[in-house]
Amino acid sequence: MSIARLNNQERSVLLATLKDWHLVEGRDAIVKTFRFADFVAAFGFMSRVALLAEKHDHHPEWFNVYNRVEITLTTHDADGLSQRDIKLATAIDAAF
């Protein structure tokens, strides 16, 4: 099954629906940084996101230092942003 990359109009409309997600410079990807009270809270969030990622069959790139989790989404099979990224970003925001 082929996954369609978002065109410019779709990208603009759909990104406007996401809070605090930004385009990554030099990549067709989006990124958001989440901050927590401490490492345990950040790790708990990462565990919830891991379960969401499995459910969506779409896995993020992420980076964690103490109370900060940075998540980058892109669809490698589409060579850029797709509906899968928007859906997972929306689910991640709901888990936050």
PDB file of N, CA and C in Angstrom:
ATOM      1  N   MET A   1       0.839  -1.182   0.000  1.00  0.00           N
ATOM      2  CA  MET A   1       0.000   0.000   0.000  1.00  0.00           C
ATOM      3  C   MET A   1       0.886   1.248   0.000  1.00  0.00           C
ATOM      4  N   SER A   2       0.622   2.139  -0.912  1.00  0.00           N
ATOM      5  CA  SER A   2       1.375   3.372  -1.031  1.00  0.00           C
ATOM      6  C   SER A   2       0.796   4.431  -0.097  1.00  0.00           C
ATOM      7  N   ILE A   3       1.685   5.147   0.575  1.00  0.00           N
ATOM      8  CA  ILE A   3       1.274   6.222   1.477  1.00  0.00           C
ATOM      9  C   ILE A   3       1.567   7.548   0.781  1.00  0.00           C
ATOM     10  N   ALA A   4       0.553   8.383   0.674  1.00  0.00           N
ATOM     11  CA  ALA A   4       0.686   9.641  -0.059  1.00  0.00           C
ATOM     12  C   ALA A   4       1.311  10.729   0.809  1.00  0.00           C
ATOM     13  N   ARG A   5       2.259  11.410   0.224  1.00  0.00           N
ATOM     14  CA  ARG A   5       2.875  12.570   0.857  1.00  0.00           C
ATOM     15  C   ARG A   5       1.911  13.744   0.744  1.00  0.00           C
ATOM     16  N   LEU A   6       1.827  14.574   1.780  1.00  0.00           N
ATOM     17  CA  LEU A   6       0.946  15.742   1.743  1.00  0.00           C
ATOM     18  C   LEU A   6       1.458  16.754   0.723  1.00  0.00           C
ATOM     19  N   ASN A   7       0.529  17.358  -0.030  1.00  0.00           N
ATOM     20  CA  ASN A   7       0.935  18.443  -0.920  1.00  0.00           C
ATOM     21  C   ASN A   7       0.978  19.734  -0.097  1.00  0.00           C
ATOM     22  N   ASN A   8       1.431  20.806  -0.695  1.00  0.00           N
ATOM     23  CA  ASN A   8       1.609  22.066   0.044  1.00  0.00           C
ATOM     24  C   ASN A   8       0.321  22.578   0.672  1.00  0.00           C
ATOM     25  N   GLN A   9      -0.778  22.504  -0.048  1.00  0.00           N
ATOM     26  CA  GLN A   9      -2.054  22.988   0.485  1.00  0.00           C
ATOM     27  C   GLN A   9      -2.506  22.117   1.654  1.00  0.00           C
ATOM     28  N   GLU A  10      -2.447  20.802   1.491  1.00  0.00           N
ATOM     29  CA  GLU A  10      -2.823  19.895   2.581  1.00  0.00           C
ATOM     30  C   GLU A  10      -1.951  20.131   3.811  1.00  0.00           C
ATOM     31  N   ARG A  11      -0.651  20.292   3.586  1.00  0.00           N
ATOM     32  CA  ARG A  11       0.297  20.518   4.677  1.00  0.00           C
ATOM     33  C   ARG A  11      -0.084  21.782   5.465  1.00  0.00           C
ATOM     34  N   SER A  12      -0.352  22.866   4.765  1.00  0.00           N
ATOM     35  CA  SER A  12      -0.707  24.128   5.426  1.00  0.00           C
ATOM     36  C   SER A  12      -1.991  24.005   6.228  1.00  0.00           C
ATOM     37  N   VAL A  13      -3.009  23.419   5.637  1.00  0.00           N
ATOM     38  CA  VAL A  13      -4.306  23.282   6.314  1.00  0.00           C
ATOM     39  C   VAL A  13      -4.181  22.377   7.536  1.00  0.00           C
ATOM     40  N   LEU A  14      -3.531  21.233   7.385  1.00  0.00           N
ATOM     41  CA  LEU A  14      -3.452  20.267   8.480  1.00  0.00           C
ATOM     42  C   LEU A  14      -2.522  20.725   9.599  1.00  0.00           C
ATOM     43  N   LEU A  15      -1.423  21.377   9.259  1.00  0.00           N
ATOM     44  CA  LEU A  15      -0.519  21.871  10.306  1.00  0.00           C
ATOM     45  C   LEU A  15      -1.186  22.945  11.164  1.00  0.00           C
ATOM     46  N   ALA A  16      -2.095  23.687  10.565  1.00  0.00           N
ATOM     47  CA  ALA A  16      -2.811  24.726  11.311  1.00  0.00           C
ATOM     48  C   ALA A  16      -3.717  24.127  12.390  1.00  0.00           C
ATOM     49  N   THR A  17      -4.044  22.839  12.271  1.00  0.00           N
ATOM     50  CA  THR A  17      -4.894  22.182  13.261  1.00  0.00           C
ATOM     51  C   THR A  17      -4.098  21.667  14.461  1.00  0.00           C
ATOM     52  N   LEU A  18      -2.769  21.673  14.364  1.00  0.00           N
ATOM     53  CA  LEU A  18      -1.914  21.148  15.433  1.00  0.00           C
ATOM     54  C   LEU A  18      -1.351  22.279  16.278  1.00  0.00           C
ATOM     55  N   LYS A  19      -1.357  22.103  17.588  1.00  0.00           N
ATOM     56  CA  LYS A  19      -0.852  23.138  18.489  1.00  0.00           C
ATOM     57  C   LYS A  19       0.633  22.913  18.781  1.00  0.00           C
ATOM     58  N   ASP A  20       1.432  23.908  18.469  1.00  0.00           N
ATOM     59  CA  ASP A  20       2.861  23.946  18.795  1.00  0.00           C
ATOM     60  C   ASP A  20       3.731  22.937  18.047  1.00  0.00           C
ATOM     61  N   TRP A  21       3.219  22.319  17.004  1.00  0.00           N
ATOM     62  CA  TRP A  21       4.058  21.494  16.131  1.00  0.00           C
ATOM     63  C   TRP A  21       4.619  22.418  15.053  1.00  0.00           C
ATOM     64  N   HIS A  22       5.899  22.249  14.740  1.00  0.00           N
ATOM     65  CA  HIS A  22       6.572  23.122  13.765  1.00  0.00           C
ATOM     66  C   HIS A  22       7.264  22.275  12.711  1.00  0.00           C
ATOM     67  N   LEU A  23       7.404  22.848  11.532  1.00  0.00           N
ATOM     68  CA  LEU A  23       8.174  22.180  10.485  1.00  0.00           C
ATOM     69  C   LEU A  23       9.647  22.136  10.890  1.00  0.00           C
ATOM     70  N   VAL A  24      10.306  21.061  10.538  1.00  0.00           N
ATOM     71  CA  VAL A  24      11.733  20.907  10.796  1.00  0.00           C
ATOM     72  C   VAL A  24      12.493  21.522   9.629  1.00  0.00           C
ATOM     73  N   GLU A  25      13.420  22.386   9.933  1.00  0.00           N
ATOM     74  CA  GLU A  25      14.205  23.027   8.876  1.00  0.00           C
ATOM     75  C   GLU A  25      15.016  21.981   8.116  1.00  0.00           C
ATOM     76  N   GLY A  26      14.895  22.011   6.794  1.00  0.00           N
ATOM     77  CA  GLY A  26      15.668  21.114   5.948  1.00  0.00           C
ATOM     78  C   GLY A  26      15.089  19.722   5.787  1.00  0.00           C
ATOM     79  N   ARG A  27      13.906  19.456   6.377  1.00  0.00           N
ATOM     80  CA  ARG A  27      13.254  18.147   6.274  1.00  0.00           C
ATOM     81  C   ARG A  27      11.763  18.335   6.104  1.00  0.00           C
ATOM     82  N   ASP A  28      11.112  17.362   5.510  1.00  0.00           N
ATOM     83  CA  ASP A  28       9.657  17.376   5.443  1.00  0.00           C
ATOM     84  C   ASP A  28       9.159  16.584   6.656  1.00  0.00           C
ATOM     85  N   ALA A  29       9.221  17.242   7.824  1.00  0.00           N
ATOM     86  CA  ALA A  29       8.879  16.625   9.096  1.00  0.00           C
ATOM     87  C   ALA A  29       8.365  17.709  10.028  1.00  0.00           C
ATOM     88  N   ILE A  30       7.688  17.272  11.104  1.00  0.00           N
ATOM     89  CA  ILE A  30       7.230  18.192  12.135  1.00  0.00           C
ATOM     90  C   ILE A  30       7.843  17.781  13.470  1.00  0.00           C
ATOM     91  N   VAL A  31       7.960  18.760  14.370  1.00  0.00           N
ATOM     92  CA  VAL A  31       8.582  18.519  15.670  1.00  0.00           C
ATOM     93  C   VAL A  31       7.848  19.300  16.746  1.00  0.00           C
ATOM     94  N   LYS A  32       7.844  18.731  17.947  1.00  0.00           N
ATOM     95  CA  LYS A  32       7.271  19.422  19.106  1.00  0.00           C
ATOM     96  C   LYS A  32       8.056  18.996  20.341  1.00  0.00           C
ATOM     97  N   THR A  33       8.260  19.951  21.247  1.00  0.00           N
ATOM     98  CA  THR A  33       8.935  19.667  22.509  1.00  0.00           C
ATOM     99  C   THR A  33       7.911  19.700  23.639  1.00  0.00           C
ATOM    100  N   PHE A  34       7.938  18.663  24.455  1.00  0.00           N
ATOM    101  CA  PHE A  34       7.056  18.535  25.616  1.00  0.00           C
ATOM    102  C   PHE A  34       7.915  18.640  26.875  1.00  0.00           C
ATOM    103  N   ARG A  35       7.428  19.358  27.892  1.00  0.00           N
ATOM    104  CA  ARG A  35       8.166  19.506  29.155  1.00  0.00           C
ATOM    105  C   ARG A  35       7.307  18.984  30.307  1.00  0.00           C
ATOM    106  N   PHE A  36       7.987  18.366  31.269  1.00  0.00           N
ATOM    107  CA  PHE A  36       7.312  17.722  32.386  1.00  0.00           C
ATOM    108  C   PHE A  36       7.958  18.140  33.700  1.00  0.00           C
ATOM    109  N   ALA A  37       7.345  17.757  34.803  1.00  0.00           N
ATOM    110  CA  ALA A  37       7.859  18.109  36.122  1.00  0.00           C
ATOM    111  C   ALA A  37       9.200  17.449  36.404  1.00  0.00           C
ATOM    112  N   ASP A  38       9.359  16.229  35.901  1.00  0.00           N
ATOM    113  CA  ASP A  38      10.588  15.490  36.183  1.00  0.00           C
ATOM    114  C   ASP A  38      10.756  14.353  35.178  1.00  0.00           C
ATOM    115  N   PHE A  39      11.818  13.576  35.371  1.00  0.00           N
ATOM    116  CA  PHE A  39      12.130  12.486  34.454  1.00  0.00           C
ATOM    117  C   PHE A  39      11.052  11.402  34.457  1.00  0.00           C
ATOM    118  N   VAL A  40      10.515  11.076  35.635  1.00  0.00           N
ATOM    119  CA  VAL A  40       9.506  10.022  35.719  1.00  0.00           C
ATOM    120  C   VAL A  40       8.261  10.401  34.912  1.00  0.00           C
ATOM    121  N   ALA A  41       7.839  11.639  35.004  1.00  0.00           N
ATOM    122  CA  ALA A  41       6.676  12.096  34.238  1.00  0.00           C
ATOM    123  C   ALA A  41       6.974  12.056  32.737  1.00  0.00           C
ATOM    124  N   ALA A  42       8.171  12.463  32.343  1.00  0.00           N
ATOM    125  CA  ALA A  42       8.554  12.424  30.930  1.00  0.00           C
ATOM    126  C   ALA A  42       8.580  10.991  30.421  1.00  0.00           C
ATOM    127  N   PHE A  43       9.136  10.089  31.215  1.00  0.00           N
ATOM    128  CA  PHE A  43       9.226   8.694  30.810  1.00  0.00           C
ATOM    129  C   PHE A  43       7.841   8.053  30.732  1.00  0.00           C
ATOM    130  N   GLY A  44       6.958   8.406  31.657  1.00  0.00           N
ATOM    131  CA  GLY A  44       5.584   7.911  31.599  1.00  0.00           C
ATOM    132  C   GLY A  44       4.892   8.343  30.317  1.00  0.00           C
ATOM    133  N   PHE A  45       5.095   9.594  29.931  1.00  0.00           N
ATOM    134  CA  PHE A  45       4.550  10.103  28.671  1.00  0.00           C
ATOM    135  C   PHE A  45       5.111   9.323  27.492  1.00  0.00           C
ATOM    136  N   MET A  46       6.407   9.069  27.497  1.00  0.00           N
ATOM    137  CA  MET A  46       7.022   8.309  26.409  1.00  0.00           C
ATOM    138  C   MET A  46       6.423   6.897  26.331  1.00  0.00           C
ATOM    139  N   SER A  47       6.119   6.301  27.458  1.00  0.00           N
ATOM    140  CA  SER A  47       5.490   4.979  27.464  1.00  0.00           C
ATOM    141  C   SER A  47       4.099   5.028  26.847  1.00  0.00           C
ATOM    142  N   ARG A  48       3.333   6.073  27.177  1.00  0.00           N
ATOM    143  CA  ARG A  48       1.999   6.226  26.576  1.00  0.00           C
ATOM    144  C   ARG A  48       2.104   6.431  25.069  1.00  0.00           C
ATOM    145  N   VAL A  49       3.072   7.247  24.649  1.00  0.00           N
ATOM    146  CA  VAL A  49       3.259   7.499  23.214  1.00  0.00           C
ATOM    147  C   VAL A  49       3.707   6.225  22.500  1.00  0.00           C
ATOM    148  N   ALA A  50       4.528   5.413  23.149  1.00  0.00           N
ATOM    149  CA  ALA A  50       4.963   4.152  22.539  1.00  0.00           C
ATOM    150  C   ALA A  50       3.759   3.256  22.243  1.00  0.00           C
ATOM    151  N   LEU A  51       2.805   3.202  23.158  1.00  0.00           N
ATOM    152  CA  LEU A  51       1.597   2.400  22.930  1.00  0.00           C
ATOM    153  C   LEU A  51       0.756   2.984  21.796  1.00  0.00           C
ATOM    154  N   LEU A  52       0.649   4.315  21.756  1.00  0.00           N
ATOM    155  CA  LEU A  52      -0.070   4.966  20.651  1.00  0.00           C
ATOM    156  C   LEU A  52       0.595   4.684  19.311  1.00  0.00           C
ATOM    157  N   ALA A  53       1.916   4.754  19.301  1.00  0.00           N
ATOM    158  CA  ALA A  53       2.668   4.520  18.064  1.00  0.00           C
ATOM    159  C   ALA A  53       2.415   3.105  17.550  1.00  0.00           C
ATOM    160  N   GLU A  54       2.401   2.140  18.446  1.00  0.00           N
ATOM    161  CA  GLU A  54       2.112   0.762  18.039  1.00  0.00           C
ATOM    162  C   GLU A  54       0.702   0.652  17.480  1.00  0.00           C
ATOM    163  N   LYS A  55      -0.250   1.281  18.151  1.00  0.00           N
ATOM    164  CA  LYS A  55      -1.647   1.248  17.702  1.00  0.00           C
ATOM    165  C   LYS A  55      -1.789   1.860  16.308  1.00  0.00           C
ATOM    166  N   HIS A  56      -1.050   2.938  16.057  1.00  0.00           N
ATOM    167  CA  HIS A  56      -1.119   3.635  14.767  1.00  0.00           C
ATOM    168  C   HIS A  56      -0.163   3.033  13.731  1.00  0.00           C
ATOM    169  N   ASP A  57       0.651   2.083  14.152  1.00  0.00           N
ATOM    170  CA  ASP A  57       1.682   1.487  13.297  1.00  0.00           C
ATOM    171  C   ASP A  57       2.518   2.574  12.627  1.00  0.00           C
ATOM    172  N   HIS A  58       2.916   3.545  13.462  1.00  0.00           N
ATOM    173  CA  HIS A  58       3.693   4.683  12.975  1.00  0.00           C
ATOM    174  C   HIS A  58       4.560   5.168  14.132  1.00  0.00           C
ATOM    175  N   HIS A  59       5.844   5.139  13.974  1.00  0.00           N
ATOM    176  CA  HIS A  59       6.750   5.325  15.103  1.00  0.00           C
ATOM    177  C   HIS A  59       7.553   6.614  14.988  1.00  0.00           C
ATOM    178  N   PRO A  60       7.595   7.375  16.082  1.00  0.00           N
ATOM    179  CA  PRO A  60       8.268   8.679  16.063  1.00  0.00           C
ATOM    180  C   PRO A  60       9.780   8.558  16.220  1.00  0.00           C
ATOM    181  N   GLU A  61      10.435   9.631  15.849  1.00  0.00           N
ATOM    182  CA  GLU A  61      11.829   9.844  16.232  1.00  0.00           C
ATOM    183  C   GLU A  61      11.716  10.683  17.500  1.00  0.00           C
ATOM    184  N   TRP A  62      12.478  10.352  18.537  1.00  0.00           N
ATOM    185  CA  TRP A  62      12.387  11.178  19.724  1.00  0.00           C
ATOM    186  C   TRP A  62      13.694  11.266  20.471  1.00  0.00           C
ATOM    187  N   PHE A  63      13.743  12.292  21.319  1.00  0.00           N
ATOM    188  CA  PHE A  63      14.942  12.595  22.084  1.00  0.00           C
ATOM    189  C   PHE A  63      14.474  12.995  23.479  1.00  0.00           C
ATOM    190  N   ASN A  64      15.098  12.442  24.501  1.00  0.00           N
ATOM    191  CA  ASN A  64      14.708  12.736  25.872  1.00  0.00           C
ATOM    192  C   ASN A  64      15.922  13.115  26.695  1.00  0.00           C
ATOM    193  N   VAL A  65      15.808  14.217  27.421  1.00  0.00           N
ATOM    194  CA  VAL A  65      16.774  14.606  28.438  1.00  0.00           C
ATOM    195  C   VAL A  65      15.960  15.049  29.647  1.00  0.00           C
ATOM    196  N   TYR A  66      16.137  14.361  30.747  1.00  0.00           N
ATOM    197  CA  TYR A  66      15.477  14.612  32.020  1.00  0.00           C
ATOM    198  C   TYR A  66      13.974  14.853  31.864  1.00  0.00           C
ATOM    199  N   ASN A  67      13.520  16.106  31.880  1.00  0.00           N
ATOM    200  CA  ASN A  67      12.084  16.392  31.855  1.00  0.00           C
ATOM    201  C   ASN A  67      11.579  16.848  30.487  1.00  0.00           C
ATOM    202  N   ARG A  68      12.395  16.698  29.470  1.00  0.00           N
ATOM    203  CA  ARG A  68      12.047  17.189  28.132  1.00  0.00           C
ATOM    204  C   ARG A  68      12.019  16.026  27.142  1.00  0.00           C
ATOM    205  N   VAL A  69      10.957  15.992  26.333  1.00  0.00           N
ATOM    206  CA  VAL A  69      10.832  14.996  25.271  1.00  0.00           C
ATOM    207  C   VAL A  69      10.568  15.746  23.972  1.00  0.00           C
ATOM    208  N   GLU A  70      11.432  15.545  22.999  1.00  0.00           N
ATOM    209  CA  GLU A  70      11.254  16.155  21.678  1.00  0.00           C
ATOM    210  C   GLU A  70      10.859  15.043  20.715  1.00  0.00           C
ATOM    211  N   ILE A  71       9.735  15.246  20.026  1.00  0.00           N
ATOM    212  CA  ILE A  71       9.213  14.241  19.101  1.00  0.00           C
ATOM    213  C   ILE A  71       9.206  14.803  17.690  1.00  0.00           C
ATOM    214  N   THR A  72       9.770  14.039  16.765  1.00  0.00           N
ATOM    215  CA  THR A  72       9.760  14.384  15.344  1.00  0.00           C
ATOM    216  C   THR A  72       8.961  13.323  14.601  1.00  0.00           C
ATOM    217  N   LEU A  73       8.075  13.792  13.724  1.00  0.00           N
ATOM    218  CA  LEU A  73       7.259  12.885  12.923  1.00  0.00           C
ATOM    219  C   LEU A  73       7.476  13.139  11.441  1.00  0.00           C
ATOM    220  N   THR A  74       7.649  12.075  10.706  1.00  0.00           N
ATOM    221  CA  THR A  74       7.702  12.087   9.252  1.00  0.00           C
ATOM    222  C   THR A  74       7.371  10.668   8.805  1.00  0.00           C
ATOM    223  N   THR A  75       6.943  10.516   7.576  1.00  0.00           N
ATOM    224  CA  THR A  75       6.613   9.190   7.060  1.00  0.00           C
ATOM    225  C   THR A  75       7.680   8.793   6.054  1.00  0.00           C
ATOM    226  N   HIS A  76       8.542   7.887   6.468  1.00  0.00           N
ATOM    227  CA  HIS A  76       9.649   7.488   5.605  1.00  0.00           C
ATOM    228  C   HIS A  76       9.152   6.850   4.307  1.00  0.00           C
ATOM    229  N   ASP A  77       8.051   6.091   4.378  1.00  0.00           N
ATOM    230  CA  ASP A  77       7.500   5.453   3.174  1.00  0.00           C
ATOM    231  C   ASP A  77       6.953   6.466   2.170  1.00  0.00           C
ATOM    232  N   ALA A  78       6.626   7.676   2.645  1.00  0.00           N
ATOM    233  CA  ALA A  78       6.119   8.736   1.763  1.00  0.00           C
ATOM    234  C   ALA A  78       7.207   9.761   1.462  1.00  0.00           C
ATOM    235  N   ASP A  79       8.368   9.587   2.042  1.00  0.00           N
ATOM    236  CA  ASP A  79       9.481  10.527   1.896  1.00  0.00           C
ATOM    237  C   ASP A  79       9.074  11.934   2.341  1.00  0.00           C
ATOM    238  N   GLY A  80       8.297  12.006   3.426  1.00  0.00           N
ATOM    239  CA  GLY A  80       7.874  13.293   3.959  1.00  0.00           C
ATOM    240  C   GLY A  80       6.609  13.161   4.774  1.00  0.00           C
ATOM    241  N   LEU A  81       5.969  14.283   5.023  1.00  0.00           N
ATOM    242  CA  LEU A  81       4.758  14.302   5.839  1.00  0.00           C
ATOM    243  C   LEU A  81       3.581  13.642   5.145  1.00  0.00           C
ATOM    244  N   SER A  82       2.805  12.912   5.941  1.00  0.00           N
ATOM    245  CA  SER A  82       1.587  12.279   5.434  1.00  0.00           C
ATOM    246  C   SER A  82       0.488  12.422   6.484  1.00  0.00           C
ATOM    247  N   GLN A  83      -0.692  11.946   6.142  1.00  0.00           N
ATOM    248  CA  GLN A  83      -1.812  11.944   7.083  1.00  0.00           C
ATOM    249  C   GLN A  83      -1.455  11.174   8.348  1.00  0.00           C
ATOM    250  N   ARG A  84      -0.603  10.167   8.234  1.00  0.00           N
ATOM    251  CA  ARG A  84      -0.207   9.371   9.399  1.00  0.00           C
ATOM    252  C   ARG A  84       0.458  10.253  10.457  1.00  0.00           C
ATOM    253  N   ASP A  85       1.252  11.212  10.024  1.00  0.00           N
ATOM    254  CA  ASP A  85       1.935  12.106  10.964  1.00  0.00           C
ATOM    255  C   ASP A  85       0.931  13.004  11.683  1.00  0.00           C
ATOM    256  N   ILE A  86      -0.032  13.504  10.947  1.00  0.00           N
ATOM    257  CA  ILE A  86      -1.038  14.393  11.537  1.00  0.00           C
ATOM    258  C   ILE A  86      -1.880  13.620  12.549  1.00  0.00           C
ATOM    259  N   LYS A  87      -2.288  12.411  12.194  1.00  0.00           N
ATOM    260  CA  LYS A  87      -3.093  11.596  13.101  1.00  0.00           C
ATOM    261  C   LYS A  87      -2.327  11.243  14.362  1.00  0.00           C
ATOM    262  N   LEU A  88      -1.057  10.869  14.225  1.00  0.00           N
ATOM    263  CA  LEU A  88      -0.275  10.524  15.403  1.00  0.00           C
ATOM    264  C   LEU A  88       0.005  11.762  16.253  1.00  0.00           C
ATOM    265  N   ALA A  89       0.292  12.898  15.633  1.00  0.00           N
ATOM    266  CA  ALA A  89       0.513  14.139  16.385  1.00  0.00           C
ATOM    267  C   ALA A  89      -0.728  14.500  17.198  1.00  0.00           C
ATOM    268  N   THR A  90      -1.884  14.339  16.607  1.00  0.00           N
ATOM    269  CA  THR A  90      -3.144  14.622  17.306  1.00  0.00           C
ATOM    270  C   THR A  90      -3.319  13.682  18.491  1.00  0.00           C
ATOM    271  N   ALA A  91      -3.010  12.410  18.304  1.00  0.00           N
ATOM    272  CA  ALA A  91      -3.122  11.432  19.392  1.00  0.00           C
ATOM    273  C   ALA A  91      -2.103  11.725  20.498  1.00  0.00           C
ATOM    274  N   ILE A  92      -0.901  12.111  20.119  1.00  0.00           N
ATOM    275  CA  ILE A  92       0.137  12.453  21.108  1.00  0.00           C
ATOM    276  C   ILE A  92      -0.300  13.656  21.934  1.00  0.00           C
ATOM    277  N   ASP A  93      -0.833  14.670  21.279  1.00  0.00           N
ATOM    278  CA  ASP A  93      -1.315  15.853  22.004  1.00  0.00           C
ATOM    279  C   ASP A  93      -2.405  15.471  23.005  1.00  0.00           C
ATOM    280  N   ALA A  94      -3.290  14.550  22.629  1.00  0.00           N
ATOM    281  CA  ALA A  94      -4.356  14.114  23.520  1.00  0.00           C
ATOM    282  C   ALA A  94      -3.792  13.355  24.729  1.00  0.00           C
ATOM    283  N   ALA A  95      -2.654  12.694  24.552  1.00  0.00           N
ATOM    284  CA  ALA A  95      -2.024  11.935  25.641  1.00  0.00           C
ATOM    285  C   ALA A  95      -1.249  12.832  26.587  1.00  0.00           C
ATOM    286  N   PHE A  96      -0.971  14.046  26.153  1.00  0.00           N
ATOM    287  CA  PHE A  96      -0.196  15.002  26.948  1.00  0.00           C
ATOM    288  C   PHE A  96      -1.102  15.607  27.983  1.00  0.00           C
TER     289      PHE A  96
END
